[in-house]
PDB file of N, CA and C in Angstrom:
ATOM      1  N   MET A   1       8.127   3.552   6.797  1.00  0.00           N
ATOM      2  CA  MET A   1       7.446   4.597   7.515  1.00  0.00           C
ATOM      3  C   MET A   1       8.462   5.256   8.446  1.00  0.00           C
ATOM      4  N   ASN A   2       8.544   6.571   8.374  1.00  0.00           N
ATOM      5  CA  ASN A   2       9.532   7.312   9.166  1.00  0.00           C
ATOM      6  C   ASN A   2      10.939   6.749   9.003  1.00  0.00           C
ATOM      7  N   GLY A   3      11.264   6.312   7.778  1.00  0.00           N
ATOM      8  CA  GLY A   3      12.593   5.805   7.482  1.00  0.00           C
ATOM      9  C   GLY A   3      12.830   4.356   7.853  1.00  0.00           C
ATOM     10  N   THR A   4      11.819   3.678   8.383  1.00  0.00           N
ATOM     11  CA  THR A   4      11.942   2.274   8.777  1.00  0.00           C
ATOM     12  C   THR A   4      11.132   1.408   7.820  1.00  0.00           C
ATOM     13  N   GLU A   5      11.778   0.399   7.244  1.00  0.00           N
ATOM     14  CA  GLU A   5      11.053  -0.501   6.350  1.00  0.00           C
ATOM     15  C   GLU A   5      10.162  -1.422   7.175  1.00  0.00           C
ATOM     16  N   ILE A   6       8.883  -1.400   6.880  1.00  0.00           N
ATOM     17  CA  ILE A   6       7.909  -2.217   7.602  1.00  0.00           C
ATOM     18  C   ILE A   6       7.854  -3.624   7.020  1.00  0.00           C
ATOM     19  N   GLY A   7       7.928  -3.727   5.709  1.00  0.00           N
ATOM     20  CA  GLY A   7       7.859  -5.034   5.084  1.00  0.00           C
ATOM     21  C   GLY A   7       7.715  -4.916   3.584  1.00  0.00           C
ATOM     22  N   THR A   8       7.682  -6.064   2.925  1.00  0.00           N
ATOM     23  CA  THR A   8       7.590  -6.126   1.468  1.00  0.00           C
ATOM     24  C   THR A   8       6.409  -6.988   1.073  1.00  0.00           C
ATOM     25  N   TRP A   9       5.668  -6.508   0.094  1.00  0.00           N
ATOM     26  CA  TRP A   9       4.578  -7.282  -0.496  1.00  0.00           C
ATOM     27  C   TRP A   9       4.833  -7.340  -1.997  1.00  0.00           C
ATOM     28  N   THR A  10       4.672  -8.507  -2.603  1.00  0.00           N
ATOM     29  CA  THR A  10       4.841  -8.666  -4.039  1.00  0.00           C
ATOM     30  C   THR A  10       3.482  -8.863  -4.686  1.00  0.00           C
ATOM     31  N   CYS A  11       3.155  -7.982  -5.593  1.00  0.00           N
ATOM     32  CA  CYS A  11       1.886  -8.066  -6.314  1.00  0.00           C
ATOM     33  C   CYS A  11       1.903  -9.293  -7.223  1.00  0.00           C
ATOM     34  N   PRO A  12       0.793 -10.021  -7.311  1.00  0.00           N
ATOM     35  CA  PRO A  12       0.774 -11.231  -8.135  1.00  0.00           C
ATOM     36  C   PRO A  12       0.742 -10.960  -9.640  1.00  0.00           C
ATOM     37  N   GLY A  13       0.573  -9.696 -10.062  1.00  0.00           N
ATOM     38  CA  GLY A  13       0.567  -9.426 -11.499  1.00  0.00           C
ATOM     39  C   GLY A  13       0.052  -8.044 -11.820  1.00  0.00           C
ATOM     40  N   ASP A  14      -0.016  -7.748 -13.101  1.00  0.00           N
ATOM     41  CA  ASP A  14      -0.543  -6.494 -13.620  1.00  0.00           C
ATOM     42  C   ASP A  14      -1.965  -6.797 -14.078  1.00  0.00           C
ATOM     43  N   PHE A  15      -2.947  -6.215 -13.442  1.00  0.00           N
ATOM     44  CA  PHE A  15      -4.330  -6.629 -13.631  1.00  0.00           C
ATOM     45  C   PHE A  15      -4.984  -5.989 -14.853  1.00  0.00           C
ATOM     46  N   GLY A  16      -5.499  -6.829 -15.713  1.00  0.00           N
ATOM     47  CA  GLY A  16      -6.196  -6.396 -16.915  1.00  0.00           C
ATOM     48  C   GLY A  16      -7.162  -7.485 -17.335  1.00  0.00           C
ATOM     49  N   GLY A  17      -7.558  -7.475 -18.592  1.00  0.00           N
ATOM     50  CA  GLY A  17      -8.490  -8.491 -19.081  1.00  0.00           C
ATOM     51  C   GLY A  17      -9.933  -8.060 -18.993  1.00  0.00           C
ATOM     52  N   ARG A  18     -10.190  -7.040 -18.203  1.00  0.00           N
ATOM     53  CA  ARG A  18     -11.524  -6.439 -18.113  1.00  0.00           C
ATOM     54  C   ARG A  18     -11.328  -5.000 -17.649  1.00  0.00           C
ATOM     55  N   LYS A  19     -12.282  -4.170 -17.885  1.00  0.00           N
ATOM     56  CA  LYS A  19     -12.193  -2.762 -17.497  1.00  0.00           C
ATOM     57  C   LYS A  19     -12.383  -2.638 -15.990  1.00  0.00           C
ATOM     58  N   GLY A  20     -11.613  -1.757 -15.364  1.00  0.00           N
ATOM     59  CA  GLY A  20     -11.814  -1.471 -13.948  1.00  0.00           C
ATOM     60  C   GLY A  20     -13.199  -0.891 -13.728  1.00  0.00           C
ATOM     61  N   ARG A  21     -13.849  -1.294 -12.668  1.00  0.00           N
ATOM     62  CA  ARG A  21     -15.239  -0.900 -12.394  1.00  0.00           C
ATOM     63  C   ARG A  21     -15.440   0.616 -12.388  1.00  0.00           C
ATOM     64  N   LEU A  22     -14.446   1.378 -11.907  1.00  0.00           N
ATOM     65  CA  LEU A  22     -14.600   2.821 -11.747  1.00  0.00           C
ATOM     66  C   LEU A  22     -13.861   3.641 -12.811  1.00  0.00           C
ATOM     67  N   ASN A  23     -13.114   2.995 -13.693  1.00  0.00           N
ATOM     68  CA  ASN A  23     -12.294   3.731 -14.650  1.00  0.00           C
ATOM     69  C   ASN A  23     -13.139   4.593 -15.578  1.00  0.00           C
ATOM     70  N   PRO A  24     -12.690   5.822 -15.836  1.00  0.00           N
ATOM     71  CA  PRO A  24     -13.408   6.681 -16.785  1.00  0.00           C
ATOM     72  C   PRO A  24     -13.270   6.147 -18.216  1.00  0.00           C
ATOM     73  N   ALA A  25     -14.158   6.568 -19.088  1.00  0.00           N
ATOM     74  CA  ALA A  25     -14.182   6.083 -20.467  1.00  0.00           C
ATOM     75  C   ALA A  25     -12.867   6.368 -21.193  1.00  0.00           C
ATOM     76  N   TRP A  26     -12.187   7.447 -20.838  1.00  0.00           N
ATOM     77  CA  TRP A  26     -10.948   7.813 -21.536  1.00  0.00           C
ATOM     78  C   TRP A  26      -9.730   6.990 -21.102  1.00  0.00           C
ATOM     79  N   TRP A  27      -9.851   6.173 -20.032  1.00  0.00           N
ATOM     80  CA  TRP A  27      -8.716   5.382 -19.549  1.00  0.00           C
ATOM     81  C   TRP A  27      -8.401   4.298 -20.570  1.00  0.00           C
ATOM     82  N   PRO A  28      -7.157   4.246 -21.104  1.00  0.00           N
ATOM     83  CA  PRO A  28      -6.815   3.279 -22.157  1.00  0.00           C
ATOM     84  C   PRO A  28      -6.999   1.822 -21.713  1.00  0.00           C
ATOM     85  N   GLU A  29      -7.570   1.009 -22.592  1.00  0.00           N
ATOM     86  CA  GLU A  29      -7.807  -0.393 -22.255  1.00  0.00           C
ATOM     87  C   GLU A  29      -6.518  -1.197 -22.139  1.00  0.00           C
ATOM     88  N   ASP A  30      -5.407  -0.715 -22.721  1.00  0.00           N
ATOM     89  CA  ASP A  30      -4.143  -1.437 -22.616  1.00  0.00           C
ATOM     90  C   ASP A  30      -3.339  -1.018 -21.382  1.00  0.00           C
ATOM     91  N   SER A  31      -3.912  -0.136 -20.552  1.00  0.00           N
ATOM     92  CA  SER A  31      -3.293   0.238 -19.273  1.00  0.00           C
ATOM     93  C   SER A  31      -3.825  -0.665 -18.169  1.00  0.00           C
ATOM     94  N   THR A  32      -3.115  -0.721 -17.055  1.00  0.00           N
ATOM     95  CA  THR A  32      -3.600  -1.496 -15.914  1.00  0.00           C
ATOM     96  C   THR A  32      -5.003  -1.032 -15.557  1.00  0.00           C
ATOM     97  N   GLN A  33      -5.899  -1.962 -15.320  1.00  0.00           N
ATOM     98  CA  GLN A  33      -7.308  -1.637 -15.126  1.00  0.00           C
ATOM     99  C   GLN A  33      -7.768  -1.653 -13.669  1.00  0.00           C
ATOM    100  N   PHE A  34      -7.183  -2.494 -12.862  1.00  0.00           N
ATOM    101  CA  PHE A  34      -7.617  -2.611 -11.467  1.00  0.00           C
ATOM    102  C   PHE A  34      -6.498  -3.252 -10.682  1.00  0.00           C
ATOM    103  N   GLY A  35      -6.688  -3.426  -9.414  1.00  0.00           N
ATOM    104  CA  GLY A  35      -5.677  -4.040  -8.563  1.00  0.00           C
ATOM    105  C   GLY A  35      -6.339  -4.690  -7.363  1.00  0.00           C
ATOM    106  N   VAL A  36      -5.597  -4.787  -6.287  1.00  0.00           N
ATOM    107  CA  VAL A  36      -6.112  -5.364  -5.051  1.00  0.00           C
ATOM    108  C   VAL A  36      -5.953  -4.342  -3.934  1.00  0.00           C
ATOM    109  N   LEU A  37      -6.864  -4.352  -3.004  1.00  0.00           N
ATOM    110  CA  LEU A  37      -6.832  -3.441  -1.866  1.00  0.00           C
ATOM    111  C   LEU A  37      -6.074  -4.119  -0.732  1.00  0.00           C
ATOM    112  N   LYS A  38      -5.039  -3.486  -0.259  1.00  0.00           N
ATOM    113  CA  LYS A  38      -4.205  -4.054   0.805  1.00  0.00           C
ATOM    114  C   LYS A  38      -4.309  -3.184   2.046  1.00  0.00           C
ATOM    115  N   THR A  39      -4.324  -3.807   3.215  1.00  0.00           N
ATOM    116  CA  THR A  39      -4.357  -3.095   4.488  1.00  0.00           C
ATOM    117  C   THR A  39      -3.084  -3.418   5.258  1.00  0.00           C
ATOM    118  N   TRP A  40      -2.243  -2.394   5.413  1.00  0.00           N
ATOM    119  CA  TRP A  40      -0.998  -2.520   6.188  1.00  0.00           C
ATOM    120  C   TRP A  40      -1.291  -2.048   7.591  1.00  0.00           C
ATOM    121  N   LYS A  41      -0.747  -2.746   8.578  1.00  0.00           N
ATOM    122  CA  LYS A  41      -1.008  -2.387   9.975  1.00  0.00           C
ATOM    123  C   LYS A  41       0.270  -2.539  10.795  1.00  0.00           C
ATOM    124  N   VAL A  42       0.519  -1.556  11.643  1.00  0.00           N
ATOM    125  CA  VAL A  42       1.628  -1.628  12.589  1.00  0.00           C
ATOM    126  C   VAL A  42       1.024  -1.450  13.973  1.00  0.00           C
ATOM    127  N   ASP A  43       1.322  -2.379  14.872  1.00  0.00           N
ATOM    128  CA  ASP A  43       0.798  -2.265  16.233  1.00  0.00           C
ATOM    129  C   ASP A  43       1.931  -2.469  17.239  1.00  0.00           C
ATOM    130  N   ARG A  44       1.593  -2.765  18.462  1.00  0.00           N
ATOM    131  CA  ARG A  44       2.602  -2.883  19.523  1.00  0.00           C
ATOM    132  C   ARG A  44       3.481  -4.126  19.414  1.00  0.00           C
ATOM    133  N   THR A  45       3.049  -5.108  18.617  1.00  0.00           N
ATOM    134  CA  THR A  45       3.790  -6.376  18.565  1.00  0.00           C
ATOM    135  C   THR A  45       4.352  -6.760  17.201  1.00  0.00           C
ATOM    136  N   LYS A  46       3.808  -6.161  16.116  1.00  0.00           N
ATOM    137  CA  LYS A  46       4.221  -6.601  14.768  1.00  0.00           C
ATOM    138  C   LYS A  46       3.700  -5.649  13.702  1.00  0.00           C
ATOM    139  N   SER A  47       4.109  -5.931  12.467  1.00  0.00           N
ATOM    140  CA  SER A  47       3.537  -5.306  11.271  1.00  0.00           C
ATOM    141  C   SER A  47       2.870  -6.401  10.458  1.00  0.00           C
ATOM    142  N   SER A  48       1.770  -6.056   9.783  1.00  0.00           N
ATOM    143  CA  SER A  48       1.045  -7.062   9.017  1.00  0.00           C
ATOM    144  C   SER A  48       0.431  -6.446   7.767  1.00  0.00           C
ATOM    145  N   ILE A  49       0.117  -7.326   6.818  1.00  0.00           N
ATOM    146  CA  ILE A  49      -0.652  -6.958   5.633  1.00  0.00           C
ATOM    147  C   ILE A  49      -1.870  -7.862   5.618  1.00  0.00           C
ATOM    148  N   ASP A  50      -3.046  -7.254   5.614  1.00  0.00           N
ATOM    149  CA  ASP A  50      -4.296  -8.026   5.646  1.00  0.00           C
ATOM    150  C   ASP A  50      -4.291  -9.022   6.801  1.00  0.00           C
ATOM    151  N   GLU A  51      -3.787  -8.590   7.950  1.00  0.00           N
ATOM    152  CA  GLU A  51      -3.724  -9.367   9.188  1.00  0.00           C
ATOM    153  C   GLU A  51      -2.723 -10.528   9.151  1.00  0.00           C
ATOM    154  N   VAL A  52      -1.916 -10.643   8.092  1.00  0.00           N
ATOM    155  CA  VAL A  52      -0.867 -11.665   8.018  1.00  0.00           C
ATOM    156  C   VAL A  52       0.450 -11.004   8.431  1.00  0.00           C
ATOM    157  N   PRO A  53       1.108 -11.492   9.487  1.00  0.00           N
ATOM    158  CA  PRO A  53       2.358 -10.870   9.947  1.00  0.00           C
ATOM    159  C   PRO A  53       3.423 -10.844   8.849  1.00  0.00           C
ATOM    160  N   ILE A  54       4.104  -9.676   8.719  1.00  0.00           N
ATOM    161  CA  ILE A  54       5.168  -9.551   7.720  1.00  0.00           C
ATOM    162  C   ILE A  54       6.511  -9.182   8.339  1.00  0.00           C
ATOM    163  N   SER A  55       6.490  -8.629   9.568  1.00  0.00           N
ATOM    164  CA  SER A  55       7.758  -8.303  10.224  1.00  0.00           C
ATOM    165  C   SER A  55       7.517  -8.033  11.702  1.00  0.00           C
ATOM    166  N   GLY A  56       8.613  -7.931  12.428  1.00  0.00           N
ATOM    167  CA  GLY A  56       8.553  -7.622  13.850  1.00  0.00           C
ATOM    168  C   GLY A  56       8.634  -6.131  14.141  1.00  0.00           C
ATOM    169  N   ILE A  57       8.543  -5.282  13.110  1.00  0.00           N
ATOM    170  CA  ILE A  57       8.568  -3.834  13.321  1.00  0.00           C
ATOM    171  C   ILE A  57       7.304  -3.434  14.074  1.00  0.00           C
ATOM    172  N   THR A  58       7.485  -2.653  15.138  1.00  0.00           N
ATOM    173  CA  THR A  58       6.370  -2.231  15.981  1.00  0.00           C
ATOM    174  C   THR A  58       6.224  -0.718  15.969  1.00  0.00           C
ATOM    175  N   LEU A  59       5.166  -0.226  16.581  1.00  0.00           N
ATOM    176  CA  LEU A  59       4.963   1.221  16.696  1.00  0.00           C
ATOM    177  C   LEU A  59       6.145   1.901  17.372  1.00  0.00           C
ATOM    178  N   ALA A  60       6.705   1.269  18.369  1.00  0.00           N
ATOM    179  CA  ALA A  60       7.849   1.855  19.079  1.00  0.00           C
ATOM    180  C   ALA A  60       9.027   2.069  18.136  1.00  0.00           C
ATOM    181  N   ASP A  61       9.200   1.179  17.147  1.00  0.00           N
ATOM    182  CA  ASP A  61      10.295   1.305  16.187  1.00  0.00           C
ATOM    183  C   ASP A  61      10.140   2.527  15.284  1.00  0.00           C
ATOM    184  N   LEU A  62       8.927   3.022  15.118  1.00  0.00           N
ATOM    185  CA  LEU A  62       8.669   4.129  14.195  1.00  0.00           C
ATOM    186  C   LEU A  62       8.897   5.504  14.815  1.00  0.00           C
ATOM    187  N   LYS A  63       9.052   5.578  16.123  1.00  0.00           N
ATOM    188  CA  LYS A  63       9.358   6.825  16.826  1.00  0.00           C
ATOM    189  C   LYS A  63       8.401   7.960  16.448  1.00  0.00           C
ATOM    190  N   ILE A  64       7.133   7.644  16.390  1.00  0.00           N
ATOM    191  CA  ILE A  64       6.120   8.620  15.998  1.00  0.00           C
ATOM    192  C   ILE A  64       6.017   9.793  16.977  1.00  0.00           C
ATOM    193  N   PRO A  65       6.057   9.589  18.293  1.00  0.00           N
ATOM    194  CA  PRO A  65       5.916  10.735  19.202  1.00  0.00           C
ATOM    195  C   PRO A  65       7.048  11.765  19.099  1.00  0.00           C
ATOM    196  N   SER A  66       8.202  11.396  18.544  1.00  0.00           N
ATOM    197  CA  SER A  66       9.331  12.323  18.490  1.00  0.00           C
ATOM    198  C   SER A  66       9.359  13.163  17.212  1.00  0.00           C
ATOM    199  N   SER A  67       8.307  13.107  16.398  1.00  0.00           N
ATOM    200  CA  SER A  67       8.277  13.837  15.137  1.00  0.00           C
ATOM    201  C   SER A  67       6.974  14.610  14.985  1.00  0.00           C
ATOM    202  N   ASP A  68       7.030  15.709  14.224  1.00  0.00           N
ATOM    203  CA  ASP A  68       5.832  16.505  13.949  1.00  0.00           C
ATOM    204  C   ASP A  68       5.029  15.959  12.775  1.00  0.00           C
ATOM    205  N   PHE A  69       5.591  14.988  12.069  1.00  0.00           N
ATOM    206  CA  PHE A  69       4.904  14.423  10.916  1.00  0.00           C
ATOM    207  C   PHE A  69       5.300  12.954  10.755  1.00  0.00           C
ATOM    208  N   ILE A  70       4.560  12.253   9.887  1.00  0.00           N
ATOM    209  CA  ILE A  70       4.831  10.851   9.589  1.00  0.00           C
ATOM    210  C   ILE A  70       5.169  10.744   8.106  1.00  0.00           C
ATOM    211  N   THR A  71       6.281  10.103   7.787  1.00  0.00           N
ATOM    212  CA  THR A  71       6.669   9.861   6.404  1.00  0.00           C
ATOM    213  C   THR A  71       6.230   8.452   6.034  1.00  0.00           C
ATOM    214  N   PHE A  72       5.525   8.352   4.914  1.00  0.00           N
ATOM    215  CA  PHE A  72       5.021   7.071   4.429  1.00  0.00           C
ATOM    216  C   PHE A  72       5.508   6.905   2.995  1.00  0.00           C
ATOM    217  N   ARG A  73       6.235   5.852   2.708  1.00  0.00           N
ATOM    218  CA  ARG A  73       6.834   5.681   1.396  1.00  0.00           C
ATOM    219  C   ARG A  73       6.460   4.321   0.814  1.00  0.00           C
ATOM    220  N   ILE A  74       6.061   4.337  -0.445  1.00  0.00           N
ATOM    221  CA  ILE A  74       5.740   3.120  -1.191  1.00  0.00           C
ATOM    222  C   ILE A  74       6.654   3.116  -2.412  1.00  0.00           C
ATOM    223  N   GLY A  75       7.242   1.979  -2.733  1.00  0.00           N
ATOM    224  CA  GLY A  75       8.121   1.960  -3.896  1.00  0.00           C
ATOM    225  C   GLY A  75       8.446   0.566  -4.371  1.00  0.00           C
ATOM    226  N   VAL A  76       9.283   0.517  -5.388  1.00  0.00           N
ATOM    227  CA  VAL A  76       9.769  -0.736  -5.950  1.00  0.00           C
ATOM    228  C   VAL A  76      11.269  -0.786  -5.660  1.00  0.00           C
ATOM    229  N   LYS A  77      11.698  -1.832  -4.996  1.00  0.00           N
ATOM    230  CA  LYS A  77      13.114  -1.970  -4.647  1.00  0.00           C
ATOM    231  C   LYS A  77      13.964  -2.222  -5.893  1.00  0.00           C
ATOM    232  N   SER A  78      15.196  -1.758  -5.853  1.00  0.00           N
ATOM    233  CA  SER A  78      16.099  -1.930  -6.993  1.00  0.00           C
ATOM    234  C   SER A  78      16.410  -3.409  -7.258  1.00  0.00           C
ATOM    235  N   ASP A  79      16.307  -4.255  -6.233  1.00  0.00           N
ATOM    236  CA  ASP A  79      16.574  -5.687  -6.417  1.00  0.00           C
ATOM    237  C   ASP A  79      15.292  -6.523  -6.488  1.00  0.00           C
ATOM    238  N   ALA A  80      14.164  -5.880  -6.763  1.00  0.00           N
ATOM    239  CA  ALA A  80      12.889  -6.598  -6.850  1.00  0.00           C
ATOM    240  C   ALA A  80      12.914  -7.601  -8.006  1.00  0.00           C
ATOM    241  N   VAL A  81      12.234  -8.711  -7.836  1.00  0.00           N
ATOM    242  CA  VAL A  81      12.158  -9.737  -8.879  1.00  0.00           C
ATOM    243  C   VAL A  81      11.415  -9.184 -10.097  1.00  0.00           C
ATOM    244  N   HIS A  82      10.331  -8.448  -9.865  1.00  0.00           N
ATOM    245  CA  HIS A  82       9.525  -7.862 -10.940  1.00  0.00           C
ATOM    246  C   HIS A  82       9.616  -6.344 -10.821  1.00  0.00           C
ATOM    247  N   LYS A  83      10.530  -5.719 -11.557  1.00  0.00           N
ATOM    248  CA  LYS A  83      10.769  -4.282 -11.443  1.00  0.00           C
ATOM    249  C   LYS A  83      10.024  -3.483 -12.505  1.00  0.00           C
ATOM    250  N   GLY A  84       8.811  -3.829 -12.824  1.00  0.00           N
ATOM    251  CA  GLY A  84       8.083  -3.135 -13.884  1.00  0.00           C
ATOM    252  C   GLY A  84       7.496  -1.797 -13.483  1.00  0.00           C
ATOM    253  N   GLY A  85       7.373  -1.516 -12.221  1.00  0.00           N
ATOM    254  CA  GLY A  85       6.779  -0.268 -11.784  1.00  0.00           C
ATOM    255  C   GLY A  85       5.704  -0.505 -10.749  1.00  0.00           C
ATOM    256  N   ILE A  86       4.884   0.516 -10.552  1.00  0.00           N
ATOM    257  CA  ILE A  86       3.840   0.441  -9.537  1.00  0.00           C
ATOM    258  C   ILE A  86       2.626   1.235 -10.013  1.00  0.00           C
ATOM    259  N   ASN A  87       1.449   0.749  -9.707  1.00  0.00           N
ATOM    260  CA  ASN A  87       0.201   1.454 -10.013  1.00  0.00           C
ATOM    261  C   ASN A  87      -0.552   1.660  -8.711  1.00  0.00           C
ATOM    262  N   LEU A  88      -0.949   2.878  -8.446  1.00  0.00           N
ATOM    263  CA  LEU A  88      -1.790   3.188  -7.292  1.00  0.00           C
ATOM    264  C   LEU A  88      -3.066   3.831  -7.826  1.00  0.00           C
ATOM    265  N   PHE A  89      -4.201   3.259  -7.478  1.00  0.00           N
ATOM    266  CA  PHE A  89      -5.473   3.793  -7.948  1.00  0.00           C
ATOM    267  C   PHE A  89      -6.157   4.566  -6.832  1.00  0.00           C
ATOM    268  N   GLY A  90      -6.772   5.674  -7.186  1.00  0.00           N
ATOM    269  CA  GLY A  90      -7.560   6.453  -6.241  1.00  0.00           C
ATOM    270  C   GLY A  90      -9.026   6.112  -6.362  1.00  0.00           C
ATOM    271  N   LYS A  91      -9.857   6.912  -5.734  1.00  0.00           N
ATOM    272  CA  LYS A  91     -11.276   6.576  -5.612  1.00  0.00           C
ATOM    273  C   LYS A  91     -12.065   6.617  -6.918  1.00  0.00           C
ATOM    274  N   GLU A  92     -11.462   7.094  -8.005  1.00  0.00           N
ATOM    275  CA  GLU A  92     -12.191   7.157  -9.270  1.00  0.00           C
ATOM    276  C   GLU A  92     -11.618   6.226 -10.335  1.00  0.00           C
ATOM    277  N   PHE A  93     -10.757   5.286  -9.915  1.00  0.00           N
ATOM    278  CA  PHE A  93     -10.143   4.341 -10.844  1.00  0.00           C
ATOM    279  C   PHE A  93     -10.134   2.957 -10.212  1.00  0.00           C
ATOM    280  N   GLY A  94      -9.940   1.934 -11.029  1.00  0.00           N
ATOM    281  CA  GLY A  94      -9.854   0.572 -10.512  1.00  0.00           C
ATOM    282  C   GLY A  94     -11.187   0.056 -10.027  1.00  0.00           C
ATOM    283  N   ASP A  95     -11.158  -0.729  -8.961  1.00  0.00           N
ATOM    284  CA  ASP A  95     -12.372  -1.373  -8.444  1.00  0.00           C
ATOM    285  C   ASP A  95     -12.790  -0.895  -7.057  1.00  0.00           C
ATOM    286  N   PHE A  96     -11.936  -0.123  -6.385  1.00  0.00           N
ATOM    287  CA  PHE A  96     -12.210   0.250  -5.000  1.00  0.00           C
ATOM    288  C   PHE A  96     -12.389   1.759  -4.895  1.00  0.00           C
ATOM    289  N   GLU A  97     -13.533   2.187  -4.444  1.00  0.00           N
ATOM    290  CA  GLU A  97     -13.873   3.598  -4.388  1.00  0.00           C
ATOM    291  C   GLU A  97     -13.291   4.252  -3.128  1.00  0.00           C
ATOM    292  N   GLN A  98     -11.952   4.342  -3.098  1.00  0.00           N
ATOM    293  CA  GLN A  98     -11.294   5.031  -1.991  1.00  0.00           C
ATOM    294  C   GLN A  98      -9.889   5.441  -2.392  1.00  0.00           C
ATOM    295  N   ASP A  99      -9.416   6.510  -1.781  1.00  0.00           N
ATOM    296  CA  ASP A  99      -8.044   6.947  -1.939  1.00  0.00           C
ATOM    297  C   ASP A  99      -7.200   6.226  -0.904  1.00  0.00           C
ATOM    298  N   ILE A 100      -5.880   6.490  -0.901  1.00  0.00           N
ATOM    299  CA  ILE A 100      -5.023   5.941   0.149  1.00  0.00           C
ATOM    300  C   ILE A 100      -5.485   6.537   1.470  1.00  0.00           C
ATOM    301  N   LYS A 101      -5.666   5.682   2.464  1.00  0.00           N
ATOM    302  CA  LYS A 101      -6.106   6.141   3.783  1.00  0.00           C
ATOM    303  C   LYS A 101      -5.069   5.754   4.830  1.00  0.00           C
ATOM    304  N   MET A 102      -4.800   6.676   5.731  1.00  0.00           N
ATOM    305  CA  MET A 102      -3.958   6.370   6.879  1.00  0.00           C
ATOM    306  C   MET A 102      -4.803   6.664   8.110  1.00  0.00           C
ATOM    307  N   THR A 103      -4.954   5.660   8.953  1.00  0.00           N
ATOM    308  CA  THR A 103      -5.731   5.796  10.163  1.00  0.00           C
ATOM    309  C   THR A 103      -4.815   5.590  11.363  1.00  0.00           C
ATOM    310  N   LEU A 104      -4.844   6.515  12.294  1.00  0.00           N
ATOM    311  CA  LEU A 104      -4.052   6.407  13.511  1.00  0.00           C
ATOM    312  C   LEU A 104      -5.005   6.231  14.674  1.00  0.00           C
ATOM    313  N   SER A 105      -4.725   5.251  15.510  1.00  0.00           N
ATOM    314  CA  SER A 105      -5.530   5.009  16.701  1.00  0.00           C
ATOM    315  C   SER A 105      -4.611   5.004  17.906  1.00  0.00           C
ATOM    316  N   TYR A 106      -5.093   5.529  18.994  1.00  0.00           N
ATOM    317  CA  TYR A 106      -4.304   5.562  20.215  1.00  0.00           C
ATOM    318  C   TYR A 106      -5.160   5.107  21.382  1.00  0.00           C
ATOM    319  N   SER A 107      -4.599   4.268  22.227  1.00  0.00           N
ATOM    320  CA  SER A 107      -5.289   3.877  23.457  1.00  0.00           C
ATOM    321  C   SER A 107      -4.225   3.568  24.517  1.00  0.00           C
ATOM    322  N   ASP A 108      -4.556   3.801  25.753  1.00  0.00           N
ATOM    323  CA  ASP A 108      -3.628   3.491  26.863  1.00  0.00           C
ATOM    324  C   ASP A 108      -3.687   2.033  27.217  1.00  0.00           C
TER     325      ASP A 108
END
């Protein structure tokens, strides 16, 4: 985020074996069908995935107030153990009826 790596998560596999709950009829059965919903969070003390700490990167490290926009990047590292690619499902595919969401909260 904003050029700072928050952390790494490794997917446990390529999900298939059954049709994704929301997939349209034309979606090929030999394609990835569903996945898992992950919640990444950065706060004043750490970064976490599904409330499990993954790094010491904090909001202060992201320098959000000094920019007019926020850059958010998802990818597969060149040295990843499983470099097969990445699947991102939106609200009409997979099992979760939502697109990628970014929520910003501010409090004094």
